[in-house]
């Protein structure tokens, strides 16, 4: 595991493929830490949302300005924050870290069939379950030199939060 963020103003990115539970875990983790929760989905442009809703994956040209916004919003949170953001590839995490260098990542990992099932039964989300496969194809697990930890997202939310806090030394 890499470094841990400043305990006084933690900046934590809960990351993983669509449907893995980033928003659920991120909101619960933020509540537990008493800091704001931010959802990177809210920072997508309307055009990007429309493309994903139609089943078209985004390109790096689409993602990089969005990731810059994600990092800037995270860095600007005075008391710290938990951000739910896919951050699937190392280059995406580097983009976030360039704006928020003290950020640490909590990678939610579980098998694809469980995530497809979750995504299929998730009402009202713009990302169709059909894009989960492309997300797994893009996903690069955290490398040992990256700041963060991987956590099994197949457990109950309370257990995932407890594992993340233990792994982060909190």
N, C-alpha and C. Protein backbone atom coordinates (compact mmCIF):
# COMPACT_ATOMS: atom_id res chain seq x y z
N UNK A 1 0.84 -1.19 0.00
CA UNK A 1 0.00 0.00 0.00
C UNK A 1 0.88 1.24 0.00
N UNK A 2 0.42 2.24 -0.73
CA UNK A 2 1.09 3.53 -0.75
C UNK A 2 0.73 4.34 0.48
N UNK A 3 0.97 5.62 0.40
CA UNK A 3 0.71 6.51 1.54
C UNK A 3 -0.78 6.64 1.83
N UNK A 4 -1.08 7.13 3.01
CA UNK A 4 -2.45 7.40 3.44
C UNK A 4 -2.63 8.91 3.45
N UNK A 5 -3.86 9.37 3.11
CA UNK A 5 -4.09 10.81 3.05
C UNK A 5 -4.04 11.44 4.44
N UNK A 6 -3.94 12.77 4.46
CA UNK A 6 -3.91 13.54 5.69
C UNK A 6 -5.15 13.21 6.53
N UNK A 7 -4.95 12.72 7.75
CA UNK A 7 -6.11 12.36 8.58
C UNK A 7 -7.03 13.55 8.85
N UNK A 8 -6.48 14.76 8.87
CA UNK A 8 -7.30 15.93 9.15
C UNK A 8 -8.21 16.29 7.98
N UNK A 9 -7.80 15.98 6.77
CA UNK A 9 -8.60 16.29 5.58
C UNK A 9 -8.42 15.17 4.56
N UNK A 10 -8.97 13.99 4.86
CA UNK A 10 -8.76 12.85 3.96
C UNK A 10 -9.42 13.08 2.60
N UNK A 11 -8.73 12.67 1.56
CA UNK A 11 -9.24 12.73 0.20
C UNK A 11 -9.16 11.31 -0.34
N UNK A 12 -10.31 10.67 -0.36
CA UNK A 12 -10.39 9.25 -0.70
C UNK A 12 -11.22 9.08 -1.96
N UNK A 13 -10.69 8.32 -2.91
CA UNK A 13 -11.41 8.00 -4.13
C UNK A 13 -11.81 6.53 -4.06
N UNK A 14 -13.11 6.27 -4.01
CA UNK A 14 -13.63 4.91 -4.06
C UNK A 14 -13.82 4.60 -5.54
N UNK A 15 -13.05 3.61 -6.02
CA UNK A 15 -12.96 3.38 -7.46
C UNK A 15 -13.36 1.96 -7.83
N UNK A 16 -13.65 1.77 -9.11
CA UNK A 16 -13.98 0.45 -9.64
C UNK A 16 -14.93 0.58 -10.81
N UNK A 17 -15.29 -0.55 -11.36
CA UNK A 17 -16.18 -0.58 -12.52
C UNK A 17 -17.59 -0.13 -12.16
N UNK A 18 -18.35 0.25 -13.15
CA UNK A 18 -19.73 0.65 -12.93
C UNK A 18 -20.52 -0.52 -12.35
N UNK A 19 -21.26 -0.26 -11.29
CA UNK A 19 -22.08 -1.28 -10.67
C UNK A 19 -21.42 -2.02 -9.53
N UNK A 20 -20.16 -1.73 -9.24
CA UNK A 20 -19.44 -2.44 -8.18
C UNK A 20 -19.82 -1.93 -6.79
N UNK A 21 -20.44 -0.76 -6.70
CA UNK A 21 -20.88 -0.24 -5.41
C UNK A 21 -20.15 1.01 -4.95
N UNK A 22 -19.54 1.74 -5.88
CA UNK A 22 -18.76 2.94 -5.52
C UNK A 22 -19.60 3.97 -4.77
N UNK A 23 -20.78 4.27 -5.27
CA UNK A 23 -21.60 5.31 -4.65
C UNK A 23 -22.11 4.86 -3.28
N UNK A 24 -22.54 3.63 -3.19
CA UNK A 24 -23.05 3.10 -1.91
C UNK A 24 -21.94 3.08 -0.87
N UNK A 25 -20.81 2.49 -1.23
CA UNK A 25 -19.69 2.41 -0.29
C UNK A 25 -19.12 3.79 -0.01
N UNK A 26 -18.98 4.61 -1.05
CA UNK A 26 -18.43 5.95 -0.87
C UNK A 26 -19.27 6.80 0.07
N UNK A 27 -20.58 6.78 -0.10
CA UNK A 27 -21.47 7.56 0.77
C UNK A 27 -21.38 7.06 2.21
N UNK A 28 -21.35 5.74 2.40
CA UNK A 28 -21.27 5.18 3.75
C UNK A 28 -19.91 5.49 4.39
N UNK A 29 -18.85 5.43 3.61
CA UNK A 29 -17.51 5.74 4.12
C UNK A 29 -17.43 7.22 4.51
N UNK A 30 -17.96 8.09 3.66
CA UNK A 30 -17.96 9.52 3.98
C UNK A 30 -18.75 9.79 5.25
N UNK A 31 -19.91 9.17 5.41
CA UNK A 31 -20.71 9.35 6.62
C UNK A 31 -19.94 8.88 7.85
N UNK A 32 -19.28 7.75 7.72
CA UNK A 32 -18.50 7.20 8.84
C UNK A 32 -17.36 8.15 9.23
N UNK A 33 -16.73 8.79 8.24
CA UNK A 33 -15.62 9.71 8.50
C UNK A 33 -16.09 11.13 8.81
N UNK A 34 -17.36 11.41 8.59
CA UNK A 34 -17.89 12.75 8.84
C UNK A 34 -17.41 13.79 7.85
N UNK A 35 -17.24 13.37 6.60
CA UNK A 35 -16.80 14.29 5.54
C UNK A 35 -17.76 14.19 4.36
N UNK A 36 -17.73 15.16 3.44
CA UNK A 36 -18.66 15.14 2.31
C UNK A 36 -18.41 13.96 1.36
N UNK A 37 -19.51 13.55 0.72
CA UNK A 37 -19.45 12.55 -0.34
C UNK A 37 -19.69 13.26 -1.66
N UNK A 38 -18.86 12.93 -2.65
CA UNK A 38 -18.98 13.48 -4.00
C UNK A 38 -19.10 12.33 -4.98
N UNK A 39 -19.93 12.49 -5.99
CA UNK A 39 -20.07 11.45 -7.01
C UNK A 39 -19.58 12.00 -8.34
N UNK A 40 -18.56 11.36 -8.88
CA UNK A 40 -17.97 11.81 -10.15
C UNK A 40 -18.98 11.75 -11.29
N UNK A 41 -20.00 10.91 -11.18
CA UNK A 41 -21.04 10.87 -12.21
C UNK A 41 -21.67 12.25 -12.40
N UNK A 42 -21.74 13.02 -11.32
CA UNK A 42 -22.34 14.36 -11.40
C UNK A 42 -21.46 15.35 -12.15
N UNK A 43 -20.21 14.98 -12.42
CA UNK A 43 -19.27 15.88 -13.07
C UNK A 43 -19.12 15.59 -14.57
N UNK A 44 -19.81 14.57 -15.08
CA UNK A 44 -19.81 14.29 -16.51
C UNK A 44 -20.59 15.38 -17.25
N UNK A 45 -20.20 15.65 -18.48
CA UNK A 45 -20.97 16.56 -19.31
C UNK A 45 -22.26 15.87 -19.75
N UNK A 46 -23.29 16.63 -20.09
CA UNK A 46 -24.52 16.01 -20.59
C UNK A 46 -24.26 15.16 -21.84
N UNK A 47 -23.32 15.59 -22.66
CA UNK A 47 -22.99 14.83 -23.89
C UNK A 47 -22.40 13.47 -23.54
N UNK A 48 -21.52 13.43 -22.55
CA UNK A 48 -20.91 12.16 -22.14
C UNK A 48 -21.97 11.22 -21.56
N UNK A 49 -22.86 11.76 -20.75
CA UNK A 49 -23.93 10.94 -20.18
C UNK A 49 -24.80 10.36 -21.29
N UNK A 50 -25.14 11.18 -22.28
CA UNK A 50 -25.97 10.71 -23.40
C UNK A 50 -25.27 9.59 -24.16
N UNK A 51 -23.98 9.73 -24.38
CA UNK A 51 -23.23 8.68 -25.08
C UNK A 51 -23.23 7.38 -24.29
N UNK A 52 -22.96 7.47 -22.98
CA UNK A 52 -22.96 6.26 -22.16
C UNK A 52 -24.35 5.64 -22.09
N UNK A 53 -25.36 6.50 -21.95
CA UNK A 53 -26.73 5.99 -21.88
C UNK A 53 -27.09 5.20 -23.14
N UNK A 54 -26.52 5.61 -24.27
CA UNK A 54 -26.81 4.92 -25.53
C UNK A 54 -25.94 3.67 -25.71
N UNK A 55 -25.06 3.39 -24.72
CA UNK A 55 -24.24 2.19 -24.77
C UNK A 55 -22.87 2.40 -25.38
N UNK A 56 -22.48 3.65 -25.61
CA UNK A 56 -21.19 3.95 -26.21
C UNK A 56 -20.17 4.29 -25.12
N UNK A 57 -19.08 3.52 -25.02
CA UNK A 57 -18.07 3.83 -24.01
C UNK A 57 -17.35 5.14 -24.34
N UNK A 58 -16.91 5.82 -23.29
CA UNK A 58 -16.15 7.05 -23.49
C UNK A 58 -14.72 6.74 -23.92
N UNK A 59 -14.12 7.70 -24.58
CA UNK A 59 -12.70 7.61 -24.96
C UNK A 59 -11.87 8.38 -23.95
N UNK A 60 -10.55 8.24 -24.02
CA UNK A 60 -9.69 9.02 -23.14
C UNK A 60 -9.85 10.52 -23.38
N UNK A 61 -10.12 10.91 -24.61
CA UNK A 61 -10.36 12.33 -24.89
C UNK A 61 -11.58 12.85 -24.13
N UNK A 62 -12.57 11.97 -23.94
CA UNK A 62 -13.76 12.34 -23.16
C UNK A 62 -13.45 12.35 -21.67
N UNK A 63 -12.66 11.39 -21.25
CA UNK A 63 -12.43 11.18 -19.82
C UNK A 63 -11.48 12.18 -19.18
N UNK A 64 -10.44 12.57 -19.87
CA UNK A 64 -9.40 13.39 -19.23
C UNK A 64 -9.91 14.72 -18.67
N UNK A 65 -10.73 15.49 -19.39
CA UNK A 65 -11.25 16.73 -18.78
C UNK A 65 -12.15 16.43 -17.57
N UNK A 66 -12.91 15.33 -17.66
CA UNK A 66 -13.76 14.92 -16.54
C UNK A 66 -12.90 14.56 -15.33
N UNK A 67 -11.83 13.81 -15.54
CA UNK A 67 -10.96 13.41 -14.44
C UNK A 67 -10.26 14.63 -13.83
N UNK A 68 -9.92 15.61 -14.65
CA UNK A 68 -9.34 16.85 -14.13
C UNK A 68 -10.35 17.56 -13.23
N UNK A 69 -11.64 17.58 -13.65
CA UNK A 69 -12.69 18.17 -12.80
C UNK A 69 -12.81 17.39 -11.50
N UNK A 70 -12.76 16.06 -11.58
CA UNK A 70 -12.86 15.22 -10.38
C UNK A 70 -11.75 15.56 -9.39
N UNK A 71 -10.51 15.62 -9.88
CA UNK A 71 -9.39 15.93 -9.01
C UNK A 71 -9.50 17.32 -8.41
N UNK A 72 -9.92 18.29 -9.22
CA UNK A 72 -10.05 19.67 -8.73
C UNK A 72 -11.11 19.79 -7.65
N UNK A 73 -12.25 19.13 -7.84
CA UNK A 73 -13.32 19.17 -6.85
C UNK A 73 -12.86 18.49 -5.55
N UNK A 74 -12.18 17.37 -5.68
CA UNK A 74 -11.68 16.67 -4.49
C UNK A 74 -10.66 17.54 -3.75
N UNK A 75 -9.74 18.13 -4.49
CA UNK A 75 -8.71 18.97 -3.88
C UNK A 75 -9.30 20.20 -3.19
N UNK A 76 -10.41 20.71 -3.71
CA UNK A 76 -11.01 21.93 -3.18
C UNK A 76 -11.87 21.70 -1.94
N UNK A 77 -12.12 20.46 -1.57
CA UNK A 77 -12.95 20.17 -0.40
C UNK A 77 -12.16 20.47 0.87
N UNK A 78 -12.51 21.54 1.60
CA UNK A 78 -11.66 21.98 2.71
C UNK A 78 -11.49 20.95 3.84
N UNK A 79 -12.53 20.19 4.13
CA UNK A 79 -12.40 19.20 5.21
C UNK A 79 -12.12 17.80 4.68
N UNK A 80 -11.80 17.73 3.38
CA UNK A 80 -11.60 16.43 2.74
C UNK A 80 -12.92 15.94 2.18
N UNK A 81 -12.88 14.80 1.50
CA UNK A 81 -14.09 14.23 0.91
C UNK A 81 -13.81 12.81 0.45
N UNK A 82 -14.90 12.11 0.22
CA UNK A 82 -14.84 10.80 -0.44
C UNK A 82 -15.49 10.99 -1.80
N UNK A 83 -14.76 10.62 -2.84
CA UNK A 83 -15.24 10.74 -4.22
C UNK A 83 -15.44 9.36 -4.81
N UNK A 84 -16.62 9.08 -5.31
CA UNK A 84 -16.87 7.84 -6.06
C UNK A 84 -16.54 8.13 -7.51
N UNK A 85 -15.55 7.42 -8.04
CA UNK A 85 -15.08 7.65 -9.41
C UNK A 85 -14.49 6.36 -9.94
N UNK A 86 -14.80 6.02 -11.17
CA UNK A 86 -14.31 4.76 -11.72
C UNK A 86 -12.79 4.66 -11.66
N UNK A 87 -12.06 5.67 -12.12
CA UNK A 87 -10.59 5.69 -12.05
C UNK A 87 -10.00 4.34 -12.46
N UNK A 88 -10.49 3.79 -13.55
CA UNK A 88 -10.17 2.42 -13.93
C UNK A 88 -8.72 2.17 -14.31
N UNK A 89 -8.09 3.11 -14.96
CA UNK A 89 -6.73 2.91 -15.44
C UNK A 89 -5.77 3.79 -14.64
N UNK A 90 -4.55 3.34 -14.57
CA UNK A 90 -3.54 4.10 -13.84
C UNK A 90 -3.45 5.53 -14.35
N UNK A 91 -3.50 5.73 -15.67
CA UNK A 91 -3.39 7.10 -16.21
C UNK A 91 -4.55 7.97 -15.73
N UNK A 92 -5.69 7.38 -15.44
CA UNK A 92 -6.82 8.15 -14.91
C UNK A 92 -6.55 8.54 -13.46
N UNK A 93 -5.96 7.62 -12.71
CA UNK A 93 -5.63 7.93 -11.32
C UNK A 93 -4.52 8.99 -11.26
N UNK A 94 -3.59 8.93 -12.20
CA UNK A 94 -2.54 9.95 -12.27
C UNK A 94 -3.18 11.32 -12.54
N UNK A 95 -4.19 11.37 -13.39
CA UNK A 95 -4.88 12.64 -13.68
C UNK A 95 -5.53 13.20 -12.42
N UNK A 96 -6.15 12.35 -11.63
CA UNK A 96 -6.76 12.80 -10.37
C UNK A 96 -5.68 13.27 -9.41
N UNK A 97 -4.60 12.48 -9.29
CA UNK A 97 -3.52 12.83 -8.37
C UNK A 97 -2.82 14.12 -8.76
N UNK A 98 -2.82 14.46 -10.05
CA UNK A 98 -2.16 15.71 -10.45
C UNK A 98 -2.89 16.92 -9.88
N UNK A 99 -4.19 16.80 -9.67
CA UNK A 99 -4.96 17.89 -9.05
C UNK A 99 -5.09 17.72 -7.54
N UNK A 100 -5.11 16.49 -7.07
CA UNK A 100 -5.29 16.18 -5.64
C UNK A 100 -4.21 15.19 -5.22
N UNK A 101 -2.96 15.65 -5.06
CA UNK A 101 -1.83 14.74 -4.82
C UNK A 101 -1.90 13.96 -3.52
N UNK A 102 -2.71 14.40 -2.58
CA UNK A 102 -2.82 13.69 -1.31
C UNK A 102 -3.92 12.62 -1.33
N UNK A 103 -4.58 12.44 -2.46
CA UNK A 103 -5.66 11.46 -2.56
C UNK A 103 -5.13 10.03 -2.42
N UNK A 104 -5.98 9.18 -1.86
CA UNK A 104 -5.72 7.74 -1.81
C UNK A 104 -6.94 7.04 -2.42
N UNK A 105 -6.71 5.84 -2.94
CA UNK A 105 -7.74 5.10 -3.64
C UNK A 105 -8.16 3.87 -2.85
N UNK A 106 -9.45 3.61 -2.86
CA UNK A 106 -10.01 2.36 -2.34
C UNK A 106 -10.63 1.67 -3.55
N UNK A 107 -9.95 0.63 -4.03
CA UNK A 107 -10.40 -0.09 -5.22
C UNK A 107 -11.37 -1.19 -4.79
N UNK A 108 -12.60 -1.09 -5.27
CA UNK A 108 -13.61 -2.12 -4.99
C UNK A 108 -13.50 -3.18 -6.07
N UNK A 109 -13.26 -4.41 -5.67
CA UNK A 109 -13.06 -5.49 -6.63
C UNK A 109 -13.95 -6.68 -6.30
N UNK A 110 -14.55 -7.24 -7.33
CA UNK A 110 -15.33 -8.47 -7.21
C UNK A 110 -15.51 -9.04 -8.61
N UNK A 111 -16.10 -10.21 -8.70
CA UNK A 111 -16.22 -10.86 -10.01
C UNK A 111 -17.25 -10.16 -10.90
N UNK A 112 -17.01 -10.25 -12.21
CA UNK A 112 -17.82 -9.54 -13.20
C UNK A 112 -19.28 -9.96 -13.18
N UNK A 113 -19.57 -11.23 -12.94
CA UNK A 113 -20.97 -11.67 -12.97
C UNK A 113 -21.78 -10.99 -11.88
N UNK A 114 -21.19 -10.80 -10.72
CA UNK A 114 -21.89 -10.11 -9.62
C UNK A 114 -22.16 -8.66 -10.01
N UNK A 115 -21.19 -8.01 -10.64
CA UNK A 115 -21.35 -6.60 -11.03
C UNK A 115 -22.39 -6.45 -12.13
N UNK A 116 -22.37 -7.34 -13.12
CA UNK A 116 -23.38 -7.29 -14.18
C UNK A 116 -24.77 -7.44 -13.58
N UNK A 117 -24.92 -8.34 -12.63
CA UNK A 117 -26.22 -8.51 -11.97
C UNK A 117 -26.64 -7.23 -11.25
N UNK A 118 -25.73 -6.63 -10.51
CA UNK A 118 -26.04 -5.37 -9.82
C UNK A 118 -26.42 -4.28 -10.82
N UNK A 119 -25.63 -4.15 -11.88
CA UNK A 119 -25.87 -3.10 -12.86
C UNK A 119 -27.19 -3.32 -13.60
N UNK A 120 -27.55 -4.57 -13.83
CA UNK A 120 -28.80 -4.89 -14.51
C UNK A 120 -30.01 -4.49 -13.68
N UNK A 121 -29.88 -4.59 -12.37
CA UNK A 121 -31.01 -4.32 -11.48
C UNK A 121 -30.94 -2.96 -10.80
N UNK A 122 -30.12 -2.08 -11.32
CA UNK A 122 -29.95 -0.75 -10.74
C UNK A 122 -30.88 0.21 -11.48
N UNK A 123 -31.91 0.69 -10.82
CA UNK A 123 -32.88 1.57 -11.51
C UNK A 123 -32.36 2.98 -11.73
N UNK A 124 -32.61 3.51 -12.92
CA UNK A 124 -32.38 4.92 -13.19
C UNK A 124 -30.96 5.35 -13.46
N UNK A 125 -29.99 4.46 -13.47
CA UNK A 125 -28.61 4.88 -13.73
C UNK A 125 -28.36 4.95 -15.23
N UNK A 126 -27.58 5.94 -15.66
CA UNK A 126 -27.35 6.12 -17.09
C UNK A 126 -26.44 5.07 -17.72
N UNK A 127 -25.64 4.39 -16.91
CA UNK A 127 -24.67 3.43 -17.45
C UNK A 127 -25.34 2.06 -17.59
N UNK A 128 -25.52 1.58 -18.82
CA UNK A 128 -26.15 0.27 -18.99
C UNK A 128 -25.21 -0.87 -18.60
N UNK A 129 -25.80 -1.98 -18.18
CA UNK A 129 -25.00 -3.15 -17.79
C UNK A 129 -24.13 -3.64 -18.94
N UNK A 130 -24.54 -3.35 -20.17
CA UNK A 130 -23.77 -3.79 -21.33
C UNK A 130 -22.36 -3.19 -21.38
N UNK A 131 -22.13 -2.08 -20.67
CA UNK A 131 -20.80 -1.46 -20.68
C UNK A 131 -19.89 -1.99 -19.57
N UNK A 132 -20.40 -2.86 -18.70
CA UNK A 132 -19.56 -3.41 -17.63
C UNK A 132 -18.37 -4.17 -18.22
N UNK A 133 -18.59 -4.93 -19.29
CA UNK A 133 -17.51 -5.68 -19.91
C UNK A 133 -16.40 -4.76 -20.39
N UNK A 134 -16.77 -3.63 -21.02
CA UNK A 134 -15.73 -2.70 -21.49
C UNK A 134 -15.00 -2.08 -20.31
N UNK A 135 -15.68 -1.91 -19.19
CA UNK A 135 -15.02 -1.36 -18.02
C UNK A 135 -14.00 -2.35 -17.46
N UNK A 136 -14.36 -3.63 -17.41
CA UNK A 136 -13.39 -4.63 -16.95
C UNK A 136 -12.20 -4.72 -17.90
N UNK A 137 -12.43 -4.52 -19.19
CA UNK A 137 -11.33 -4.55 -20.16
C UNK A 137 -10.37 -3.38 -19.93
N UNK A 138 -10.88 -2.26 -19.44
CA UNK A 138 -10.08 -1.07 -19.18
C UNK A 138 -9.40 -1.12 -17.81
N UNK A 139 -10.00 -1.84 -16.87
CA UNK A 139 -9.55 -1.81 -15.47
C UNK A 139 -8.11 -2.29 -15.30
N UNK A 140 -7.34 -1.48 -14.61
CA UNK A 140 -5.97 -1.81 -14.20
C UNK A 140 -5.94 -1.76 -12.68
N UNK A 141 -5.73 -2.90 -12.01
CA UNK A 141 -5.67 -2.89 -10.55
C UNK A 141 -4.60 -1.91 -10.06
N UNK A 142 -4.78 -1.45 -8.84
CA UNK A 142 -3.78 -0.57 -8.23
C UNK A 142 -2.43 -1.28 -8.22
N UNK A 143 -1.40 -0.56 -8.61
CA UNK A 143 -0.04 -1.08 -8.55
C UNK A 143 0.51 -0.82 -7.14
N UNK A 144 1.51 -1.60 -6.72
CA UNK A 144 2.06 -1.43 -5.37
C UNK A 144 2.57 -0.01 -5.07
N UNK A 145 2.97 0.73 -6.10
CA UNK A 145 3.48 2.07 -5.86
C UNK A 145 2.39 3.15 -5.90
N UNK A 146 1.12 2.74 -6.08
CA UNK A 146 0.03 3.72 -6.07
C UNK A 146 -0.54 3.84 -4.66
N UNK A 147 -1.00 5.05 -4.30
CA UNK A 147 -1.55 5.25 -2.96
C UNK A 147 -2.95 4.67 -2.83
N UNK A 148 -3.07 3.60 -2.09
CA UNK A 148 -4.40 3.05 -1.89
C UNK A 148 -4.40 1.57 -1.58
N UNK A 149 -5.61 1.04 -1.54
CA UNK A 149 -5.83 -0.35 -1.16
C UNK A 149 -6.94 -0.95 -2.01
N UNK A 150 -6.91 -2.26 -2.13
CA UNK A 150 -8.00 -2.99 -2.79
C UNK A 150 -8.83 -3.68 -1.72
N UNK A 151 -10.15 -3.67 -1.92
CA UNK A 151 -11.08 -4.25 -0.95
C UNK A 151 -12.08 -5.12 -1.71
N UNK A 152 -12.44 -6.25 -1.12
CA UNK A 152 -13.43 -7.14 -1.71
C UNK A 152 -14.81 -6.51 -1.61
N UNK A 153 -15.39 -6.18 -2.75
CA UNK A 153 -16.70 -5.53 -2.79
C UNK A 153 -17.84 -6.53 -2.74
N UNK A 154 -17.53 -7.81 -2.62
CA UNK A 154 -18.57 -8.83 -2.55
C UNK A 154 -19.19 -8.98 -1.17
N UNK A 155 -18.58 -8.34 -0.18
CA UNK A 155 -19.08 -8.43 1.19
C UNK A 155 -20.20 -7.41 1.43
N UNK A 156 -20.82 -7.48 2.58
CA UNK A 156 -21.83 -6.50 2.98
C UNK A 156 -21.15 -5.12 3.08
N UNK A 157 -21.91 -4.06 2.84
CA UNK A 157 -21.36 -2.71 2.83
C UNK A 157 -20.61 -2.41 4.13
N UNK A 158 -21.17 -2.77 5.28
CA UNK A 158 -20.50 -2.49 6.56
C UNK A 158 -19.14 -3.19 6.62
N UNK A 159 -19.06 -4.40 6.08
CA UNK A 159 -17.80 -5.14 6.07
C UNK A 159 -16.80 -4.51 5.10
N UNK A 160 -17.28 -4.01 3.98
CA UNK A 160 -16.41 -3.34 3.01
C UNK A 160 -15.84 -2.07 3.64
N UNK A 161 -16.68 -1.31 4.32
CA UNK A 161 -16.23 -0.07 4.98
C UNK A 161 -15.19 -0.40 6.05
N UNK A 162 -15.47 -1.41 6.86
CA UNK A 162 -14.53 -1.80 7.92
C UNK A 162 -13.19 -2.23 7.33
N UNK A 163 -13.22 -3.00 6.26
CA UNK A 163 -11.98 -3.46 5.61
C UNK A 163 -11.22 -2.27 5.04
N UNK A 164 -11.93 -1.34 4.42
CA UNK A 164 -11.27 -0.16 3.84
C UNK A 164 -10.62 0.69 4.94
N UNK A 165 -11.33 0.90 6.01
CA UNK A 165 -10.77 1.71 7.11
C UNK A 165 -9.56 1.03 7.73
N UNK A 166 -9.62 -0.28 7.92
CA UNK A 166 -8.46 -1.02 8.44
C UNK A 166 -7.27 -0.89 7.50
N UNK A 167 -7.53 -1.10 6.21
CA UNK A 167 -6.45 -1.05 5.22
C UNK A 167 -5.84 0.34 5.11
N UNK A 168 -6.66 1.36 5.33
CA UNK A 168 -6.17 2.75 5.28
C UNK A 168 -5.56 3.20 6.60
N UNK A 169 -5.60 2.32 7.60
CA UNK A 169 -5.04 2.68 8.90
C UNK A 169 -5.87 3.66 9.69
N UNK A 170 -7.17 3.61 9.52
CA UNK A 170 -8.08 4.53 10.21
C UNK A 170 -8.93 3.80 11.22
